[in-house]
N, C-alpha and C. Protein backbone atom coordinates (compact mmCIF):
# COMPACT_ATOMS: atom_id res chain seq x y z
N MET A 1 -13.10 7.03 8.36
CA MET A 1 -11.72 7.20 8.70
C MET A 1 -11.50 8.60 9.22
N ASN A 2 -10.71 8.76 10.32
CA ASN A 2 -10.44 10.03 10.94
C ASN A 2 -9.53 10.86 10.08
N ALA A 3 -9.96 12.05 9.67
CA ALA A 3 -9.17 12.86 8.77
C ALA A 3 -8.07 13.61 9.50
N SER A 4 -8.09 13.64 10.82
CA SER A 4 -7.08 14.44 11.54
C SER A 4 -5.76 13.74 11.60
N ALA A 5 -5.69 12.45 11.39
CA ALA A 5 -4.42 11.71 11.46
C ALA A 5 -4.21 10.98 10.15
N LEU A 6 -3.01 11.10 9.63
CA LEU A 6 -2.67 10.40 8.41
C LEU A 6 -2.49 8.93 8.71
N PRO A 7 -3.17 8.07 7.98
CA PRO A 7 -2.95 6.63 8.19
C PRO A 7 -1.50 6.22 7.90
N ASN A 8 -1.10 5.10 8.43
CA ASN A 8 0.27 4.64 8.19
C ASN A 8 0.45 4.25 6.72
N PHE A 9 1.71 4.05 6.34
CA PHE A 9 2.04 3.81 4.95
C PHE A 9 1.36 2.58 4.39
N ASP A 10 1.31 1.49 5.17
CA ASP A 10 0.68 0.26 4.64
C ASP A 10 -0.80 0.48 4.36
N ARG A 11 -1.46 1.23 5.22
CA ARG A 11 -2.89 1.55 4.99
C ARG A 11 -3.04 2.38 3.73
N LEU A 12 -2.22 3.36 3.56
CA LEU A 12 -2.30 4.23 2.35
C LEU A 12 -2.02 3.40 1.09
N LEU A 13 -1.06 2.50 1.17
CA LEU A 13 -0.74 1.66 0.04
C LEU A 13 -1.93 0.74 -0.30
N ASP A 14 -2.58 0.21 0.73
CA ASP A 14 -3.78 -0.64 0.51
C ASP A 14 -4.87 0.16 -0.13
N LEU A 15 -5.10 1.41 0.32
CA LEU A 15 -6.10 2.24 -0.27
C LEU A 15 -5.78 2.54 -1.73
N ALA A 16 -4.51 2.84 -2.01
CA ALA A 16 -4.11 3.15 -3.40
C ALA A 16 -4.36 1.96 -4.31
N ARG A 17 -4.10 0.77 -3.82
CA ARG A 17 -4.25 -0.44 -4.65
C ARG A 17 -5.66 -0.87 -4.79
N ASN A 18 -6.45 -0.83 -3.65
CA ASN A 18 -7.78 -1.45 -3.64
C ASN A 18 -8.94 -0.46 -3.62
N SER A 19 -8.69 0.76 -3.18
CA SER A 19 -9.79 1.71 -3.09
C SER A 19 -9.30 3.15 -3.37
N PRO A 20 -8.92 3.40 -4.65
CA PRO A 20 -8.41 4.74 -4.97
C PRO A 20 -9.41 5.87 -4.70
N GLU A 21 -10.74 5.54 -4.78
CA GLU A 21 -11.75 6.56 -4.52
C GLU A 21 -11.69 6.96 -3.03
N GLU A 22 -11.50 5.99 -2.14
CA GLU A 22 -11.39 6.29 -0.70
C GLU A 22 -10.15 7.08 -0.42
N LEU A 23 -9.04 6.76 -1.09
CA LEU A 23 -7.79 7.52 -0.93
C LEU A 23 -7.96 8.97 -1.38
N GLU A 24 -8.65 9.14 -2.50
CA GLU A 24 -8.91 10.49 -2.99
C GLU A 24 -9.81 11.28 -2.04
N ARG A 25 -10.82 10.61 -1.48
CA ARG A 25 -11.72 11.26 -0.51
C ARG A 25 -10.89 11.71 0.72
N LEU A 26 -10.00 10.82 1.16
CA LEU A 26 -9.14 11.13 2.32
C LEU A 26 -8.24 12.35 2.01
N ARG A 27 -7.66 12.34 0.82
CA ARG A 27 -6.80 13.45 0.41
C ARG A 27 -7.55 14.79 0.40
N LEU A 28 -8.75 14.80 -0.18
CA LEU A 28 -9.52 16.02 -0.21
C LEU A 28 -9.96 16.46 1.15
N GLU A 29 -10.35 15.49 1.99
CA GLU A 29 -10.78 15.80 3.34
C GLU A 29 -9.64 16.42 4.17
N MET A 30 -8.46 15.82 4.05
CA MET A 30 -7.32 16.36 4.82
C MET A 30 -6.89 17.70 4.28
N THR A 31 -6.94 17.90 2.96
CA THR A 31 -6.61 19.20 2.37
C THR A 31 -7.55 20.25 2.89
N ASN A 32 -8.83 19.98 2.88
CA ASN A 32 -9.82 20.93 3.37
C ASN A 32 -9.64 21.21 4.86
N GLN A 33 -9.29 20.21 5.59
CA GLN A 33 -9.08 20.39 7.03
C GLN A 33 -7.89 21.35 7.26
N ILE A 34 -6.85 21.20 6.52
CA ILE A 34 -5.68 22.11 6.65
C ILE A 34 -6.11 23.55 6.23
N LEU A 35 -6.81 23.65 5.13
CA LEU A 35 -7.24 24.99 4.68
C LEU A 35 -8.16 25.62 5.71
N ASP A 36 -9.09 24.86 6.25
CA ASP A 36 -10.04 25.43 7.22
C ASP A 36 -9.36 25.84 8.55
N SER A 37 -8.26 25.20 8.89
CA SER A 37 -7.58 25.50 10.14
C SER A 37 -6.53 26.58 9.99
N THR A 38 -6.43 27.16 8.81
CA THR A 38 -5.42 28.25 8.59
C THR A 38 -6.08 29.59 8.83
N PRO A 39 -5.75 30.29 9.91
CA PRO A 39 -6.37 31.55 10.26
C PRO A 39 -5.93 32.73 9.38
N ASP A 40 -4.67 32.74 8.97
CA ASP A 40 -4.16 33.83 8.16
C ASP A 40 -4.70 33.73 6.73
N GLN A 41 -5.40 34.77 6.26
CA GLN A 41 -6.02 34.70 4.94
C GLN A 41 -5.01 34.67 3.82
N GLY A 42 -3.88 35.39 4.01
CA GLY A 42 -2.84 35.36 2.99
C GLY A 42 -2.23 33.98 2.84
N VAL A 43 -1.93 33.34 3.96
CA VAL A 43 -1.39 31.98 3.92
C VAL A 43 -2.40 31.02 3.36
N ARG A 44 -3.65 31.19 3.76
CA ARG A 44 -4.72 30.35 3.24
C ARG A 44 -4.86 30.42 1.73
N LEU A 45 -4.77 31.66 1.21
CA LEU A 45 -4.87 31.86 -0.22
C LEU A 45 -3.69 31.13 -0.96
N ARG A 46 -2.49 31.25 -0.41
CA ARG A 46 -1.36 30.58 -1.04
C ARG A 46 -1.52 29.09 -1.00
N LEU A 47 -2.04 28.55 0.11
CA LEU A 47 -2.29 27.10 0.20
C LEU A 47 -3.37 26.65 -0.78
N GLU A 48 -4.43 27.47 -0.95
CA GLU A 48 -5.46 27.15 -1.89
C GLU A 48 -4.89 27.12 -3.32
N GLN A 49 -4.02 28.07 -3.63
CA GLN A 49 -3.38 28.12 -4.93
C GLN A 49 -2.51 26.89 -5.16
N LEU A 50 -1.79 26.48 -4.11
CA LEU A 50 -0.95 25.29 -4.22
C LEU A 50 -1.85 24.03 -4.43
N ALA A 51 -2.90 23.95 -3.67
CA ALA A 51 -3.82 22.79 -3.83
C ALA A 51 -4.40 22.75 -5.24
N PHE A 52 -4.74 23.92 -5.79
CA PHE A 52 -5.27 24.00 -7.15
C PHE A 52 -4.22 23.52 -8.16
N ARG A 53 -2.98 23.98 -7.97
CA ARG A 53 -1.91 23.60 -8.86
C ARG A 53 -1.66 22.06 -8.80
N ILE A 54 -1.69 21.50 -7.61
CA ILE A 54 -1.51 20.06 -7.47
C ILE A 54 -2.62 19.30 -8.15
N ASP A 55 -3.87 19.76 -7.97
CA ASP A 55 -5.01 19.10 -8.62
C ASP A 55 -4.89 19.20 -10.15
N ALA A 56 -4.48 20.37 -10.64
CA ALA A 56 -4.30 20.53 -12.10
C ALA A 56 -3.25 19.57 -12.64
N GLU A 57 -2.17 19.41 -11.89
CA GLU A 57 -1.11 18.49 -12.36
C GLU A 57 -1.62 17.04 -12.34
N ARG A 58 -2.42 16.71 -11.35
CA ARG A 58 -2.95 15.33 -11.26
C ARG A 58 -3.92 15.06 -12.40
N ARG A 59 -4.66 16.08 -12.85
CA ARG A 59 -5.63 15.86 -13.95
C ARG A 59 -4.95 15.74 -15.31
N ARG A 60 -3.67 16.05 -15.39
CA ARG A 60 -2.96 15.94 -16.66
C ARG A 60 -2.73 14.48 -17.08
N GLY A 61 -3.03 13.56 -16.22
CA GLY A 61 -2.96 12.16 -16.59
C GLY A 61 -1.57 11.56 -16.50
N ARG A 62 -0.71 12.12 -15.69
CA ARG A 62 0.59 11.54 -15.56
C ARG A 62 0.57 10.29 -14.70
N THR A 63 1.58 9.49 -14.85
CA THR A 63 1.71 8.29 -14.01
C THR A 63 2.06 8.69 -12.59
N PRO A 64 1.77 7.87 -11.61
CA PRO A 64 2.12 8.23 -10.24
C PRO A 64 3.63 8.54 -10.03
N LEU A 65 4.48 7.79 -10.67
CA LEU A 65 5.91 8.05 -10.53
C LEU A 65 6.30 9.37 -11.19
N SER A 66 5.73 9.67 -12.35
CA SER A 66 5.98 10.90 -13.01
C SER A 66 5.53 12.08 -12.17
N LEU A 67 4.33 11.96 -11.56
CA LEU A 67 3.83 13.00 -10.67
C LEU A 67 4.75 13.20 -9.44
N CYS A 68 5.22 12.08 -8.89
CA CYS A 68 6.14 12.16 -7.75
C CYS A 68 7.38 12.94 -8.10
N LEU A 69 7.98 12.66 -9.27
CA LEU A 69 9.18 13.38 -9.70
C LEU A 69 8.85 14.82 -9.97
N HIS A 70 7.74 15.08 -10.58
CA HIS A 70 7.33 16.45 -10.88
C HIS A 70 7.17 17.25 -9.60
N TYR A 71 6.45 16.72 -8.60
CA TYR A 71 6.25 17.39 -7.34
C TYR A 71 7.59 17.61 -6.59
N SER A 72 8.46 16.60 -6.70
CA SER A 72 9.76 16.73 -6.07
C SER A 72 10.54 17.90 -6.69
N ASN A 73 10.50 18.01 -8.02
CA ASN A 73 11.18 19.13 -8.70
C ASN A 73 10.59 20.47 -8.30
N LEU A 74 9.24 20.53 -8.19
CA LEU A 74 8.61 21.77 -7.75
C LEU A 74 9.06 22.16 -6.37
N MET A 75 9.10 21.18 -5.47
CA MET A 75 9.53 21.47 -4.10
C MET A 75 10.97 21.94 -4.02
N HIS A 76 11.83 21.29 -4.83
CA HIS A 76 13.26 21.68 -4.84
C HIS A 76 13.44 23.08 -5.39
N ARG A 77 12.67 23.42 -6.40
CA ARG A 77 12.74 24.80 -6.94
C ARG A 77 12.31 25.83 -5.87
N GLN A 78 11.23 25.53 -5.16
CA GLN A 78 10.75 26.43 -4.12
C GLN A 78 11.77 26.53 -2.98
N LEU A 79 12.40 25.41 -2.63
CA LEU A 79 13.42 25.46 -1.59
C LEU A 79 14.60 26.31 -2.04
N GLY A 80 14.93 26.25 -3.33
CA GLY A 80 15.99 27.12 -3.87
C GLY A 80 15.62 28.60 -3.74
N VAL A 81 14.38 28.95 -4.03
CA VAL A 81 13.94 30.31 -3.88
C VAL A 81 13.99 30.73 -2.41
N LEU A 82 13.49 29.87 -1.54
CA LEU A 82 13.56 30.20 -0.12
C LEU A 82 15.00 30.35 0.38
N ASN A 83 15.88 29.50 -0.13
CA ASN A 83 17.29 29.55 0.24
C ASN A 83 17.90 30.91 -0.20
N GLN A 84 17.58 31.35 -1.42
CA GLN A 84 18.07 32.62 -1.91
C GLN A 84 17.58 33.75 -1.03
N GLU A 85 16.31 33.73 -0.65
CA GLU A 85 15.76 34.76 0.19
C GLU A 85 16.40 34.78 1.56
N LEU A 86 16.64 33.61 2.11
CA LEU A 86 17.32 33.50 3.39
C LEU A 86 18.72 34.09 3.33
N HIS A 87 19.44 33.79 2.25
CA HIS A 87 20.79 34.35 2.09
C HIS A 87 20.73 35.87 1.93
N LYS A 88 19.72 36.38 1.30
CA LYS A 88 19.61 37.83 1.17
C LYS A 88 19.44 38.44 2.56
N LEU A 89 18.62 37.80 3.41
CA LEU A 89 18.38 38.30 4.76
C LEU A 89 19.65 38.24 5.61
N LEU A 90 20.51 37.26 5.37
CA LEU A 90 21.68 37.07 6.18
C LEU A 90 22.88 37.88 5.70
N GLN A 91 22.80 38.51 4.52
CA GLN A 91 23.92 39.32 4.03
C GLN A 91 24.04 40.58 4.87
N PRO A 92 25.26 40.97 5.19
CA PRO A 92 25.45 42.23 5.94
C PRO A 92 24.99 43.42 5.09
N VAL A 93 24.44 44.38 5.75
CA VAL A 93 24.01 45.57 5.04
C VAL A 93 25.24 46.44 4.77
N VAL A 94 25.45 46.80 3.51
CA VAL A 94 26.59 47.66 3.14
C VAL A 94 26.07 49.07 2.92
N LEU A 95 26.50 49.99 3.78
CA LEU A 95 26.09 51.37 3.64
C LEU A 95 26.99 52.06 2.62
N PRO A 96 26.49 53.13 2.00
CA PRO A 96 27.31 53.84 0.95
C PRO A 96 28.63 54.30 1.52
N CYS A 97 28.71 54.71 2.80
CA CYS A 97 29.96 55.20 3.35
C CYS A 97 30.98 54.04 3.51
N GLN A 98 30.51 52.78 3.48
CA GLN A 98 31.40 51.66 3.62
C GLN A 98 32.01 51.28 2.27
N THR A 99 31.40 51.71 1.19
CA THR A 99 31.90 51.33 -0.15
C THR A 99 32.91 52.33 -0.70
N GLY A 100 33.15 53.40 0.04
CA GLY A 100 34.08 54.45 -0.46
C GLY A 100 33.35 55.48 -1.26
N ASP A 101 32.07 55.32 -1.43
CA ASP A 101 31.27 56.30 -2.19
C ASP A 101 30.75 57.32 -1.22
N ASN A 102 31.49 58.41 -1.05
CA ASN A 102 31.12 59.42 -0.04
C ASN A 102 30.46 60.62 -0.69
N HIS A 103 30.06 60.53 -1.94
CA HIS A 103 29.38 61.63 -2.60
C HIS A 103 28.08 61.90 -1.90
N ASN A 104 27.79 63.16 -1.69
CA ASN A 104 26.57 63.62 -1.05
C ASN A 104 26.35 63.02 0.33
N GLN A 105 27.43 62.65 0.99
CA GLN A 105 27.31 62.13 2.34
C GLN A 105 27.73 63.25 3.30
N PRO A 106 27.02 63.42 4.41
CA PRO A 106 27.40 64.46 5.37
C PRO A 106 28.77 64.09 5.96
N ALA A 107 29.54 65.11 6.28
CA ALA A 107 30.85 64.89 6.89
C ALA A 107 30.68 64.22 8.24
N ARG A 108 31.55 63.32 8.58
CA ARG A 108 31.49 62.66 9.85
C ARG A 108 32.02 63.59 10.94
N THR A 109 31.33 63.60 12.01
CA THR A 109 31.78 64.39 13.17
C THR A 109 32.11 63.48 14.28
N SER A 110 32.99 63.94 15.16
CA SER A 110 33.34 63.11 16.29
C SER A 110 32.43 63.42 17.46
N ALA A 111 32.32 62.50 18.35
CA ALA A 111 31.47 62.69 19.52
C ALA A 111 32.21 62.18 20.72
N LYS A 112 31.95 62.81 21.84
CA LYS A 112 32.56 62.34 23.10
C LYS A 112 31.60 61.33 23.70
N ILE A 113 32.13 60.16 24.06
CA ILE A 113 31.34 59.12 24.69
C ILE A 113 31.49 59.16 26.17
N ILE A 114 30.38 59.29 26.84
CA ILE A 114 30.40 59.37 28.32
C ILE A 114 29.82 58.08 28.88
N PRO A 115 30.61 57.32 29.63
CA PRO A 115 30.08 56.09 30.25
C PRO A 115 28.97 56.41 31.23
N PHE A 116 27.97 55.56 31.30
CA PHE A 116 26.84 55.78 32.22
C PHE A 116 27.31 55.89 33.67
N SER A 117 28.35 55.17 34.02
CA SER A 117 28.82 55.17 35.39
C SER A 117 29.33 56.53 35.82
N ARG A 118 29.75 57.38 34.86
CA ARG A 118 30.28 58.73 35.19
C ARG A 118 29.25 59.81 34.94
N TYR A 119 28.09 59.42 34.43
CA TYR A 119 27.08 60.41 34.11
C TYR A 119 26.45 61.01 35.37
N GLN A 120 26.39 62.29 35.45
CA GLN A 120 25.80 62.99 36.59
C GLN A 120 24.57 63.73 36.10
N LYS A 121 23.46 63.53 36.79
CA LYS A 121 22.25 64.27 36.41
C LYS A 121 22.46 65.77 36.76
N PRO A 122 21.97 66.62 35.90
CA PRO A 122 22.09 68.04 36.18
C PRO A 122 21.21 68.37 37.41
N ALA A 123 21.66 69.29 38.24
CA ALA A 123 20.92 69.64 39.43
C ALA A 123 19.75 70.56 39.14
């Protein structure tokens, strides 16, 4: 079976029912293919850690439905973390001078703004 393309659902269901060893071989093959095609070592390390965690959860002997719910909860927690980080990035930066805390801040000075259209190069 070609590891570069995921078989359709009916084929995967057939493998799960009739040939779980073949399904496991396909899973490992596709996991290794993804890891091998990841050029960034930091990303690859995180993917290897995730694959290890998934394998450890599978070895705990849970039922398939229980594993599905567990993985779904893990993904939702990670999405929550990513969502929080995204919101942090999207928050406006508040400078100390904007909060009214002007302690140890240099005094503001005014500046004359000269439009480029009126700017003359010195001779």
